[in-house]
Amino acid sequence: MRNQIKLDRVRTSRQQKELWAIEYQKAQDSAEHHDKLLWQVTGLFWAGNSVLLGLMLKSATEDDFQVILMLISAISIIMLYNLNKIAQLFGKIRRQKYDRCKQIEIDLHFFQHRNFPDRYRKGRQTKLYLLTNYLFMTIWASILLNDISKIMPSCCSKTICYLMKFVICCIFC
């Protein structure tokens, strides 16, 4: 009877380790999936914004398209804002999955995610990512405000200047 209990513990321990290994693999796969998906979506957004900016600069002198250009600018700002929110959500999911991997690594004596070099500062890539999005948003905001000033020339330039400062403060602060 005693040997049977000992064997059951060994089996349970092996079964538990196998389950942890499966959970570990699923968590890592999910984290990698969310990371790849984020960069694919970001690549499409940034490429689209670059193309639209090129078109905007090409047609900036044509007065017939000012309203359309304003709408494109506003929509681009909204899309980039939403991209930031998507990036934050996917980042939380990715961190949660990698944290689970680290917990399982402790139990299974793995070291893949726990021995990551310290030279990679936490949050550095996120800051650069957000900075790029904010720069795009600032460019679109300046185009939008410039188009507004063309449509409503009676608005004084001080108002536009204050609006631009407000937009830049909202984005970077």
C-alpha atoms as a PDB file:
ATOM      1  CA  MET A   1       0.000   0.000   0.000  1.00  0.00           C
ATOM      2  CA  ARG A   2       2.808   2.405   0.844  1.00  0.00           C
ATOM      3  CA  ASN A   3       4.532   1.770  -2.468  1.00  0.00           C
ATOM      4  CA  GLN A   4       1.249   2.396  -4.288  1.00  0.00           C
ATOM      5  CA  ILE A   5       0.913   5.847  -2.673  1.00  0.00           C
ATOM      6  CA  LYS A   6       4.501   6.650  -3.593  1.00  0.00           C
ATOM      7  CA  LEU A   7       3.911   5.598  -7.219  1.00  0.00           C
ATOM      8  CA  ASP A   8       0.715   7.685  -7.387  1.00  0.00           C
ATOM      9  CA  ARG A   9       2.682  10.730  -6.224  1.00  0.00           C
ATOM     10  CA  VAL A  10       5.340  10.110  -8.859  1.00  0.00           C
ATOM     11  CA  ARG A  11       2.666   9.726 -11.575  1.00  0.00           C
ATOM     12  CA  THR A  12       0.849  12.827 -10.403  1.00  0.00           C
ATOM     13  CA  SER A  13       4.084  14.748 -10.356  1.00  0.00           C
ATOM     14  CA  ARG A  14       4.912  13.592 -13.897  1.00  0.00           C
ATOM     15  CA  GLN A  15       1.383  14.298 -15.063  1.00  0.00           C
ATOM     16  CA  GLN A  16       1.513  17.725 -13.448  1.00  0.00           C
ATOM     17  CA  LYS A  17       4.826  18.481 -15.132  1.00  0.00           C
ATOM     18  CA  GLU A  18       3.392  17.393 -18.488  1.00  0.00           C
ATOM     19  CA  LEU A  19       0.365  19.625 -17.953  1.00  0.00           C
ATOM     20  CA  TRP A  20       2.614  22.538 -16.988  1.00  0.00           C
ATOM     21  CA  ALA A  21       4.730  21.933 -20.079  1.00  0.00           C
ATOM     22  CA  ILE A  22       1.597  22.056 -22.255  1.00  0.00           C
ATOM     23  CA  GLU A  23       0.352  25.192 -20.489  1.00  0.00           C
ATOM     24  CA  TYR A  24       3.817  26.714 -20.853  1.00  0.00           C
ATOM     25  CA  GLN A  25       3.816  26.050 -24.599  1.00  0.00           C
ATOM     26  CA  LYS A  26       0.286  27.454 -25.009  1.00  0.00           C
ATOM     27  CA  ALA A  27       1.128  30.598 -23.030  1.00  0.00           C
ATOM     28  CA  GLN A  28       4.283  31.159 -25.053  1.00  0.00           C
ATOM     29  CA  ASP A  29       2.426  30.566 -28.342  1.00  0.00           C
ATOM     30  CA  SER A  30      -0.281  33.033 -27.317  1.00  0.00           C
ATOM     31  CA  ALA A  31       2.271  35.691 -26.316  1.00  0.00           C
ATOM     32  CA  GLU A  32       4.118  35.293 -29.611  1.00  0.00           C
ATOM     33  CA  HIS A  33       0.823  35.414 -31.538  1.00  0.00           C
ATOM     34  CA  HIS A  34      -0.229  38.692 -29.919  1.00  0.00           C
ATOM     35  CA  ASP A  35       3.214  40.191 -30.503  1.00  0.00           C
ATOM     36  CA  LYS A  36       3.234  39.218 -34.193  1.00  0.00           C
ATOM     37  CA  LEU A  37      -0.343  40.373 -34.681  1.00  0.00           C
ATOM     38  CA  LEU A  38       0.426  43.754 -33.142  1.00  0.00           C
ATOM     39  CA  TRP A  39       3.406  44.309 -35.432  1.00  0.00           C
ATOM     40  CA  GLN A  40       1.447  43.216 -38.506  1.00  0.00           C
ATOM     41  CA  VAL A  41      -1.369  45.646 -37.704  1.00  0.00           C
ATOM     42  CA  THR A  42       1.142  48.377 -36.866  1.00  0.00           C
ATOM     43  CA  GLY A  43       3.010  47.835 -40.117  1.00  0.00           C
ATOM     44  CA  LEU A  44      -0.214  48.229 -42.076  1.00  0.00           C
ATOM     45  CA  PHE A  45      -1.171  51.371 -40.132  1.00  0.00           C
ATOM     46  CA  TRP A  46       2.241  52.999 -40.521  1.00  0.00           C
ATOM     47  CA  ALA A  47       2.497  52.124 -44.222  1.00  0.00           C
ATOM     48  CA  GLY A  48      -1.027  53.434 -44.815  1.00  0.00           C
ATOM     49  CA  ASN A  49      -0.281  56.637 -42.930  1.00  0.00           C
ATOM     50  CA  SER A  50       2.910  57.177 -44.900  1.00  0.00           C
ATOM     51  CA  VAL A  51       1.078  56.730 -48.212  1.00  0.00           C
ATOM     52  CA  LEU A  52      -1.725  59.049 -47.095  1.00  0.00           C
ATOM     53  CA  LEU A  53       0.783  61.667 -45.954  1.00  0.00           C
ATOM     54  CA  GLY A  54       2.431  61.528 -49.360  1.00  0.00           C
ATOM     55  CA  LEU A  55      -0.920  61.999 -51.072  1.00  0.00           C
ATOM     56  CA  MET A  56      -1.782  64.817 -48.685  1.00  0.00           C
ATOM     57  CA  LEU A  57       1.436  66.678 -49.414  1.00  0.00           C
ATOM     58  CA  LYS A  58       0.928  66.218 -53.136  1.00  0.00           C
ATOM     59  CA  SER A  59      -2.603  67.638 -53.077  1.00  0.00           C
ATOM     60  CA  ALA A  60      -2.094  70.180 -50.290  1.00  0.00           C
ATOM     61  CA  THR A  61      -2.266  73.126 -52.701  1.00  0.00           C
ATOM     62  CA  GLU A  62      -5.604  72.129 -54.214  1.00  0.00           C
ATOM     63  CA  ASP A  63      -8.425  73.994 -52.468  1.00  0.00           C
ATOM     64  CA  ASP A  64     -11.131  71.653 -53.771  1.00  0.00           C
ATOM     65  CA  PHE A  65     -10.031  68.846 -51.490  1.00  0.00           C
ATOM     66  CA  GLN A  66      -9.648  70.712 -48.178  1.00  0.00           C
ATOM     67  CA  VAL A  67     -12.706  69.133 -46.518  1.00  0.00           C
ATOM     68  CA  ILE A  68     -11.693  65.652 -47.643  1.00  0.00           C
ATOM     69  CA  LEU A  69      -8.157  66.255 -46.412  1.00  0.00           C
ATOM     70  CA  MET A  70      -9.536  67.384 -43.059  1.00  0.00           C
ATOM     71  CA  LEU A  71     -11.611  64.210 -42.773  1.00  0.00           C
ATOM     72  CA  ILE A  72      -8.645  62.031 -43.677  1.00  0.00           C
ATOM     73  CA  SER A  73      -6.544  63.832 -41.078  1.00  0.00           C
ATOM     74  CA  ALA A  74      -9.168  63.407 -38.371  1.00  0.00           C
ATOM     75  CA  ILE A  75      -9.735  59.738 -39.207  1.00  0.00           C
ATOM     76  CA  SER A  76      -5.975  59.093 -39.201  1.00  0.00           C
ATOM     77  CA  ILE A  77      -5.634  60.649 -35.751  1.00  0.00           C
ATOM     78  CA  ILE A  78      -8.486  58.494 -34.440  1.00  0.00           C
ATOM     79  CA  MET A  79      -7.025  55.353 -36.013  1.00  0.00           C
ATOM     80  CA  LEU A  80      -3.586  56.006 -34.516  1.00  0.00           C
ATOM     81  CA  TYR A  81      -5.147  56.647 -31.112  1.00  0.00           C
ATOM     82  CA  ASN A  82      -6.977  53.309 -31.393  1.00  0.00           C
ATOM     83  CA  LEU A  83      -3.742  51.633 -32.479  1.00  0.00           C
ATOM     84  CA  ASN A  84      -2.158  52.844 -29.231  1.00  0.00           C
ATOM     85  CA  LYS A  85      -5.022  51.305 -27.269  1.00  0.00           C
ATOM     86  CA  ILE A  86      -4.694  48.020 -29.189  1.00  0.00           C
ATOM     87  CA  ALA A  87      -0.947  48.024 -28.496  1.00  0.00           C
ATOM     88  CA  GLN A  88      -1.571  48.530 -24.784  1.00  0.00           C
ATOM     89  CA  LEU A  89      -4.138  45.713 -24.694  1.00  0.00           C
ATOM     90  CA  PHE A  90      -1.932  43.281 -26.607  1.00  0.00           C
ATOM     91  CA  GLY A  91       1.009  44.273 -24.420  1.00  0.00           C
ATOM     92  CA  LYS A  92      -0.964  43.382 -21.289  1.00  0.00           C
ATOM     93  CA  ILE A  93      -1.977  40.035 -22.769  1.00  0.00           C
ATOM     94  CA  ARG A  94       1.592  39.302 -23.886  1.00  0.00           C
ATOM     95  CA  ARG A  95       3.021  40.220 -20.454  1.00  0.00           C
ATOM     96  CA  GLN A  96       0.400  38.077 -18.708  1.00  0.00           C
ATOM     97  CA  LYS A  97       1.306  35.088 -20.869  1.00  0.00           C
ATOM     98  CA  TYR A  98       5.062  35.537 -20.404  1.00  0.00           C
ATOM     99  CA  ASP A  99       4.565  35.991 -16.642  1.00  0.00           C
ATOM    100  CA  ARG A 100       2.762  32.661 -16.595  1.00  0.00           C
ATOM    101  CA  CYS A 101       5.677  31.129 -18.512  1.00  0.00           C
ATOM    102  CA  LYS A 102       8.068  32.464 -15.871  1.00  0.00           C
ATOM    103  CA  GLN A 103       5.951  30.963 -13.076  1.00  0.00           C
ATOM    104  CA  ILE A 104       5.977  27.571 -14.767  1.00  0.00           C
ATOM    105  CA  GLU A 105       9.724  27.873 -15.421  1.00  0.00           C
ATOM    106  CA  ILE A 106      10.311  28.103 -11.688  1.00  0.00           C
ATOM    107  CA  ASP A 107       8.449  24.830 -11.120  1.00  0.00           C
ATOM    108  CA  LEU A 108      10.045  23.041 -14.078  1.00  0.00           C
ATOM    109  CA  HIS A 109      13.515  24.554 -13.593  1.00  0.00           C
ATOM    110  CA  PHE A 110      13.506  26.219 -17.021  1.00  0.00           C
ATOM    111  CA  PHE A 111      15.332  29.466 -17.625  1.00  0.00           C
ATOM    112  CA  GLN A 112      14.320  30.723 -21.074  1.00  0.00           C
ATOM    113  CA  HIS A 113      12.347  33.793 -19.933  1.00  0.00           C
ATOM    114  CA  ARG A 114      13.844  34.250 -16.484  1.00  0.00           C
ATOM    115  CA  ASN A 115      17.457  34.763 -17.558  1.00  0.00           C
ATOM    116  CA  PHE A 116      16.823  37.560 -20.032  1.00  0.00           C
ATOM    117  CA  PRO A 117      19.728  40.057 -20.109  1.00  0.00           C
ATOM    118  CA  ASP A 118      19.304  43.186 -17.997  1.00  0.00           C
ATOM    119  CA  ARG A 119      20.623  45.397 -20.791  1.00  0.00           C
ATOM    120  CA  TYR A 120      17.135  45.339 -22.337  1.00  0.00           C
ATOM    121  CA  ARG A 121      15.311  47.927 -20.281  1.00  0.00           C
ATOM    122  CA  LYS A 122      11.675  47.231 -19.619  1.00  0.00           C
ATOM    123  CA  GLY A 123       9.348  49.501 -21.574  1.00  0.00           C
ATOM    124  CA  ARG A 124      11.978  50.917 -23.933  1.00  0.00           C
ATOM    125  CA  GLN A 125      10.417  49.475 -27.080  1.00  0.00           C
ATOM    126  CA  THR A 126       6.946  50.562 -25.953  1.00  0.00           C
ATOM    127  CA  LYS A 127       8.139  54.150 -25.508  1.00  0.00           C
ATOM    128  CA  LEU A 128       9.647  54.210 -29.000  1.00  0.00           C
ATOM    129  CA  TYR A 129       6.493  52.657 -30.428  1.00  0.00           C
ATOM    130  CA  LEU A 130       4.238  55.230 -28.774  1.00  0.00           C
ATOM    131  CA  LEU A 131       6.579  58.063 -29.771  1.00  0.00           C
ATOM    132  CA  THR A 132       6.306  57.015 -33.427  1.00  0.00           C
ATOM    133  CA  ASN A 133       2.515  56.949 -33.204  1.00  0.00           C
ATOM    134  CA  TYR A 134       2.455  60.329 -31.452  1.00  0.00           C
ATOM    135  CA  LEU A 135       4.671  61.831 -34.149  1.00  0.00           C
ATOM    136  CA  PHE A 136       2.245  60.599 -36.801  1.00  0.00           C
ATOM    137  CA  MET A 137      -0.640  62.031 -34.775  1.00  0.00           C
ATOM    138  CA  THR A 138       1.142  65.391 -34.459  1.00  0.00           C
ATOM    139  CA  ILE A 139       1.740  65.560 -38.192  1.00  0.00           C
ATOM    140  CA  TRP A 140      -1.912  64.769 -38.876  1.00  0.00           C
ATOM    141  CA  ALA A 141      -3.037  67.329 -36.292  1.00  0.00           C
ATOM    142  CA  SER A 142      -0.897  70.027 -37.895  1.00  0.00           C
ATOM    143  CA  ILE A 143      -2.335  69.183 -41.323  1.00  0.00           C
ATOM    144  CA  LEU A 144      -5.839  69.261 -39.897  1.00  0.00           C
ATOM    145  CA  LEU A 145      -5.298  72.629 -38.232  1.00  0.00           C
ATOM    146  CA  ASN A 146      -3.687  74.007 -41.372  1.00  0.00           C
ATOM    147  CA  ASP A 147      -6.704  72.898 -43.432  1.00  0.00           C
ATOM    148  CA  ILE A 148      -9.076  74.459 -40.916  1.00  0.00           C
ATOM    149  CA  SER A 149      -7.205  77.755 -41.210  1.00  0.00           C
ATOM    150  CA  LYS A 150      -7.581  77.622 -45.008  1.00  0.00           C
ATOM    151  CA  ILE A 151     -11.323  76.998 -44.840  1.00  0.00           C
ATOM    152  CA  MET A 152     -11.964  79.537 -42.106  1.00  0.00           C
ATOM    153  CA  PRO A 153      -9.475  82.329 -42.748  1.00  0.00           C
ATOM    154  CA  SER A 154     -11.391  84.632 -40.412  1.00  0.00           C
ATOM    155  CA  CYS A 155     -10.102  82.595 -37.468  1.00  0.00           C
ATOM    156  CA  CYS A 156      -7.101  84.324 -36.118  1.00  0.00           C
ATOM    157  CA  SER A 157      -3.755  82.578 -36.244  1.00  0.00           C
ATOM    158  CA  LYS A 158      -3.448  82.806 -32.443  1.00  0.00           C
ATOM    159  CA  THR A 159      -6.392  80.419 -32.040  1.00  0.00           C
ATOM    160  CA  ILE A 160      -4.792  77.904 -34.379  1.00  0.00           C
ATOM    161  CA  CYS A 161      -1.499  78.308 -32.572  1.00  0.00           C
ATOM    162  CA  TYR A 162      -3.150  77.647 -29.199  1.00  0.00           C
ATOM    163  CA  LEU A 163      -5.014  74.644 -30.607  1.00  0.00           C
ATOM    164  CA  MET A 164      -1.781  73.226 -31.977  1.00  0.00           C
ATOM    165  CA  LYS A 165      -0.044  73.676 -28.637  1.00  0.00           C
ATOM    166  CA  PHE A 166      -3.006  72.010 -26.917  1.00  0.00           C
ATOM    167  CA  VAL A 167      -2.907  69.030 -29.303  1.00  0.00           C
ATOM    168  CA  ILE A 168       0.839  68.611 -28.867  1.00  0.00           C
ATOM    169  CA  CYS A 169       0.472  68.825 -25.072  1.00  0.00           C
ATOM    170  CA  CYS A 170      -2.312  66.231 -25.105  1.00  0.00           C
ATOM    171  CA  ILE A 171      -0.231  63.882 -27.200  1.00  0.00           C
ATOM    172  CA  PHE A 172       3.130  64.185 -25.439  1.00  0.00           C
ATOM    173  CA  CYS A 173       2.133  64.926 -21.866  1.00  0.00           C
END
